[in-house]
N, C-alpha and C. Protein backbone atom coordinates (compact mmCIF):
# COMPACT_ATOMS: atom_id res chain seq x y z
N UNK A 1 -11.85 -18.15 9.90
CA UNK A 1 -11.62 -18.43 8.48
C UNK A 1 -11.55 -17.11 7.71
N UNK A 2 -10.57 -17.01 6.82
CA UNK A 2 -10.42 -15.79 6.04
C UNK A 2 -11.36 -15.82 4.85
N UNK A 3 -11.77 -14.66 4.42
CA UNK A 3 -12.67 -14.54 3.28
C UNK A 3 -11.86 -14.65 2.00
N UNK A 4 -12.50 -15.18 0.96
CA UNK A 4 -11.84 -15.32 -0.33
C UNK A 4 -11.61 -13.94 -0.94
N UNK A 5 -10.37 -13.70 -1.42
CA UNK A 5 -10.00 -12.43 -2.04
C UNK A 5 -9.75 -12.68 -3.53
N UNK A 6 -10.39 -11.88 -4.37
CA UNK A 6 -10.18 -11.97 -5.81
C UNK A 6 -9.81 -10.58 -6.32
N UNK A 7 -8.72 -10.53 -7.08
CA UNK A 7 -8.26 -9.27 -7.67
C UNK A 7 -8.52 -9.31 -9.17
N UNK A 8 -9.36 -8.39 -9.63
CA UNK A 8 -9.62 -8.23 -11.07
C UNK A 8 -8.65 -7.17 -11.57
N UNK A 9 -7.86 -7.55 -12.58
CA UNK A 9 -6.76 -6.71 -13.02
C UNK A 9 -6.64 -6.74 -14.53
N UNK A 10 -5.68 -5.97 -15.04
CA UNK A 10 -5.34 -6.01 -16.47
C UNK A 10 -3.89 -5.53 -16.61
N UNK A 11 -3.26 -5.87 -17.73
CA UNK A 11 -1.87 -5.45 -17.93
C UNK A 11 -1.75 -3.92 -17.96
N UNK A 12 -0.56 -3.45 -17.68
CA UNK A 12 -0.27 -2.01 -17.72
C UNK A 12 -1.20 -1.20 -16.81
N UNK A 13 -1.43 -1.72 -15.62
CA UNK A 13 -2.29 -1.05 -14.64
C UNK A 13 -1.45 -0.84 -13.36
N UNK A 14 -0.78 0.32 -13.25
CA UNK A 14 0.06 0.56 -12.06
C UNK A 14 -0.67 0.40 -10.73
N UNK A 15 -1.92 0.88 -10.59
CA UNK A 15 -2.61 0.66 -9.31
C UNK A 15 -2.85 -0.83 -9.02
N UNK A 16 -2.99 -1.62 -10.07
CA UNK A 16 -3.16 -3.08 -9.88
C UNK A 16 -1.89 -3.67 -9.27
N UNK A 17 -0.74 -3.23 -9.76
CA UNK A 17 0.54 -3.72 -9.24
C UNK A 17 0.70 -3.35 -7.77
N UNK A 18 0.32 -2.14 -7.41
CA UNK A 18 0.42 -1.70 -6.02
C UNK A 18 -0.52 -2.53 -5.14
N UNK A 19 -1.70 -2.80 -5.64
CA UNK A 19 -2.66 -3.62 -4.89
C UNK A 19 -2.10 -5.02 -4.67
N UNK A 20 -1.47 -5.60 -5.69
CA UNK A 20 -0.85 -6.92 -5.55
C UNK A 20 0.27 -6.88 -4.50
N UNK A 21 1.08 -5.83 -4.54
CA UNK A 21 2.17 -5.69 -3.57
C UNK A 21 1.61 -5.61 -2.15
N UNK A 22 0.51 -4.88 -1.99
CA UNK A 22 -0.15 -4.76 -0.68
C UNK A 22 -0.60 -6.14 -0.19
N UNK A 23 -1.27 -6.90 -1.05
CA UNK A 23 -1.75 -8.23 -0.66
C UNK A 23 -0.59 -9.17 -0.37
N UNK A 24 0.45 -9.12 -1.20
CA UNK A 24 1.64 -9.96 -0.98
C UNK A 24 2.35 -9.58 0.32
N UNK A 25 2.48 -8.30 0.58
CA UNK A 25 3.15 -7.81 1.78
C UNK A 25 2.48 -8.35 3.05
N UNK A 26 1.16 -8.41 3.01
CA UNK A 26 0.40 -8.90 4.17
C UNK A 26 0.18 -10.41 4.12
N UNK A 27 0.85 -11.06 3.14
CA UNK A 27 0.79 -12.52 2.99
C UNK A 27 -0.65 -13.04 2.92
N UNK A 28 -1.47 -12.33 2.16
CA UNK A 28 -2.86 -12.71 1.99
C UNK A 28 -3.02 -13.53 0.70
N UNK A 29 -3.65 -14.68 0.78
CA UNK A 29 -3.88 -15.46 -0.44
C UNK A 29 -4.98 -14.81 -1.27
N UNK A 30 -4.80 -14.77 -2.58
CA UNK A 30 -5.79 -14.16 -3.45
C UNK A 30 -5.71 -14.76 -4.83
N UNK A 31 -6.81 -14.66 -5.55
CA UNK A 31 -6.88 -15.12 -6.93
C UNK A 31 -6.78 -13.90 -7.83
N UNK A 32 -6.06 -14.02 -8.93
CA UNK A 32 -5.92 -12.93 -9.89
C UNK A 32 -6.69 -13.30 -11.16
N UNK A 33 -7.54 -12.39 -11.60
CA UNK A 33 -8.27 -12.59 -12.85
C UNK A 33 -7.99 -11.41 -13.76
N UNK A 34 -7.42 -11.72 -14.93
CA UNK A 34 -7.08 -10.69 -15.92
C UNK A 34 -8.30 -10.47 -16.82
N UNK A 35 -8.98 -9.35 -16.64
CA UNK A 35 -10.20 -9.09 -17.41
C UNK A 35 -9.93 -8.75 -18.87
N UNK A 36 -8.69 -8.49 -19.21
CA UNK A 36 -8.37 -8.22 -20.62
C UNK A 36 -8.37 -9.51 -21.43
N UNK A 37 -8.18 -10.65 -20.75
CA UNK A 37 -8.10 -11.94 -21.44
C UNK A 37 -9.34 -12.80 -21.22
N UNK A 38 -10.15 -12.47 -20.23
CA UNK A 38 -11.27 -13.32 -19.85
C UNK A 38 -12.59 -12.55 -20.04
N UNK A 39 -13.27 -12.83 -21.14
CA UNK A 39 -14.51 -12.11 -21.46
C UNK A 39 -15.59 -12.34 -20.40
N UNK A 40 -15.71 -13.57 -19.91
CA UNK A 40 -16.71 -13.86 -18.87
C UNK A 40 -16.44 -13.05 -17.61
N UNK A 41 -15.17 -12.96 -17.24
CA UNK A 41 -14.80 -12.18 -16.05
C UNK A 41 -15.08 -10.70 -16.26
N UNK A 42 -14.83 -10.21 -17.46
CA UNK A 42 -15.09 -8.80 -17.75
C UNK A 42 -16.59 -8.51 -17.66
N UNK A 43 -17.41 -9.42 -18.16
CA UNK A 43 -18.86 -9.27 -18.07
C UNK A 43 -19.30 -9.31 -16.61
N UNK A 44 -18.75 -10.24 -15.84
CA UNK A 44 -19.08 -10.33 -14.41
C UNK A 44 -18.69 -9.04 -13.68
N UNK A 45 -17.51 -8.53 -14.00
CA UNK A 45 -17.01 -7.30 -13.37
C UNK A 45 -17.98 -6.14 -13.61
N UNK A 46 -18.39 -5.96 -14.85
CA UNK A 46 -19.23 -4.81 -15.18
C UNK A 46 -20.69 -5.01 -14.80
N UNK A 47 -21.23 -6.20 -15.03
CA UNK A 47 -22.65 -6.41 -14.79
C UNK A 47 -22.97 -6.81 -13.35
N UNK A 48 -22.27 -7.77 -12.81
CA UNK A 48 -22.58 -8.25 -11.46
C UNK A 48 -21.98 -7.35 -10.38
N UNK A 49 -20.72 -6.93 -10.58
CA UNK A 49 -20.06 -6.11 -9.56
C UNK A 49 -20.27 -4.62 -9.78
N UNK A 50 -20.81 -4.25 -10.94
CA UNK A 50 -21.04 -2.84 -11.28
C UNK A 50 -19.76 -2.01 -11.18
N UNK A 51 -18.66 -2.60 -11.65
CA UNK A 51 -17.38 -1.92 -11.62
C UNK A 51 -16.85 -1.81 -13.04
N UNK A 52 -16.28 -0.65 -13.35
CA UNK A 52 -15.78 -0.41 -14.71
C UNK A 52 -14.31 -0.04 -14.71
N UNK A 53 -13.62 -0.39 -13.62
CA UNK A 53 -12.19 -0.07 -13.56
C UNK A 53 -11.44 -1.16 -12.82
N UNK A 54 -10.15 -1.17 -13.07
CA UNK A 54 -9.26 -2.06 -12.31
C UNK A 54 -8.29 -1.18 -11.55
N UNK A 55 -7.83 -1.64 -10.41
CA UNK A 55 -8.19 -2.91 -9.79
C UNK A 55 -9.58 -2.86 -9.16
N UNK A 56 -10.24 -3.99 -9.19
CA UNK A 56 -11.42 -4.21 -8.38
C UNK A 56 -11.11 -5.45 -7.56
N UNK A 57 -11.39 -5.39 -6.27
CA UNK A 57 -11.08 -6.51 -5.38
C UNK A 57 -12.36 -6.93 -4.67
N UNK A 58 -12.62 -8.24 -4.67
CA UNK A 58 -13.72 -8.74 -3.87
C UNK A 58 -13.12 -9.45 -2.65
N UNK A 59 -13.73 -9.17 -1.51
CA UNK A 59 -13.34 -9.81 -0.24
C UNK A 59 -14.62 -10.40 0.31
N UNK A 60 -14.78 -11.72 0.11
CA UNK A 60 -16.06 -12.32 0.44
C UNK A 60 -17.13 -11.67 -0.43
N UNK A 61 -18.15 -11.11 0.20
CA UNK A 61 -19.25 -10.45 -0.54
C UNK A 61 -19.00 -8.96 -0.77
N UNK A 62 -17.96 -8.41 -0.17
CA UNK A 62 -17.67 -6.97 -0.29
C UNK A 62 -16.88 -6.70 -1.56
N UNK A 63 -17.07 -5.52 -2.13
CA UNK A 63 -16.38 -5.13 -3.36
C UNK A 63 -15.68 -3.79 -3.15
N UNK A 64 -14.39 -3.75 -3.49
CA UNK A 64 -13.63 -2.50 -3.46
C UNK A 64 -13.36 -2.15 -4.91
N UNK A 65 -14.01 -1.08 -5.39
CA UNK A 65 -13.89 -0.67 -6.79
C UNK A 65 -12.79 0.37 -6.93
N UNK A 66 -11.92 0.15 -7.90
CA UNK A 66 -10.84 1.10 -8.14
C UNK A 66 -9.75 0.96 -7.08
N UNK A 67 -8.82 1.88 -7.13
CA UNK A 67 -7.65 1.83 -6.24
C UNK A 67 -8.01 2.48 -4.91
N UNK A 68 -8.18 1.65 -3.86
CA UNK A 68 -8.55 2.17 -2.55
C UNK A 68 -7.96 1.26 -1.47
N UNK A 69 -6.67 1.47 -1.17
CA UNK A 69 -5.99 0.61 -0.20
C UNK A 69 -6.58 0.78 1.20
N UNK A 70 -7.07 1.96 1.55
CA UNK A 70 -7.63 2.16 2.88
C UNK A 70 -8.87 1.29 3.08
N UNK A 71 -9.73 1.25 2.11
CA UNK A 71 -10.94 0.42 2.18
C UNK A 71 -10.56 -1.06 2.21
N UNK A 72 -9.60 -1.44 1.36
CA UNK A 72 -9.14 -2.82 1.31
C UNK A 72 -8.54 -3.24 2.66
N UNK A 73 -7.76 -2.36 3.24
CA UNK A 73 -7.14 -2.62 4.53
C UNK A 73 -8.19 -2.91 5.60
N UNK A 74 -9.28 -2.15 5.61
CA UNK A 74 -10.36 -2.36 6.58
C UNK A 74 -10.96 -3.75 6.46
N UNK A 75 -11.03 -4.25 5.24
CA UNK A 75 -11.69 -5.54 5.00
C UNK A 75 -10.79 -6.75 5.24
N UNK A 76 -9.48 -6.58 5.10
CA UNK A 76 -8.60 -7.76 5.15
C UNK A 76 -7.68 -7.82 6.36
N UNK A 77 -7.46 -6.70 7.06
CA UNK A 77 -6.52 -6.71 8.18
C UNK A 77 -7.23 -6.63 9.52
């Protein structure tokens, strides 16, 4: 069973677009949450995940903060 992938993003974030392309390229299902529009998600991102930048990706219980395709690749491929 694959782990749930969630991408925390915001508009005008080039690294977020590249992260989406990476996930799409590998045909990985993921949920997208726009933290610019969702106050609860923004609070969760900063307080629970201790992340202050996008993209932030959760893979199951693991968190990849910021733009780090190498780390993401280790967790999903």
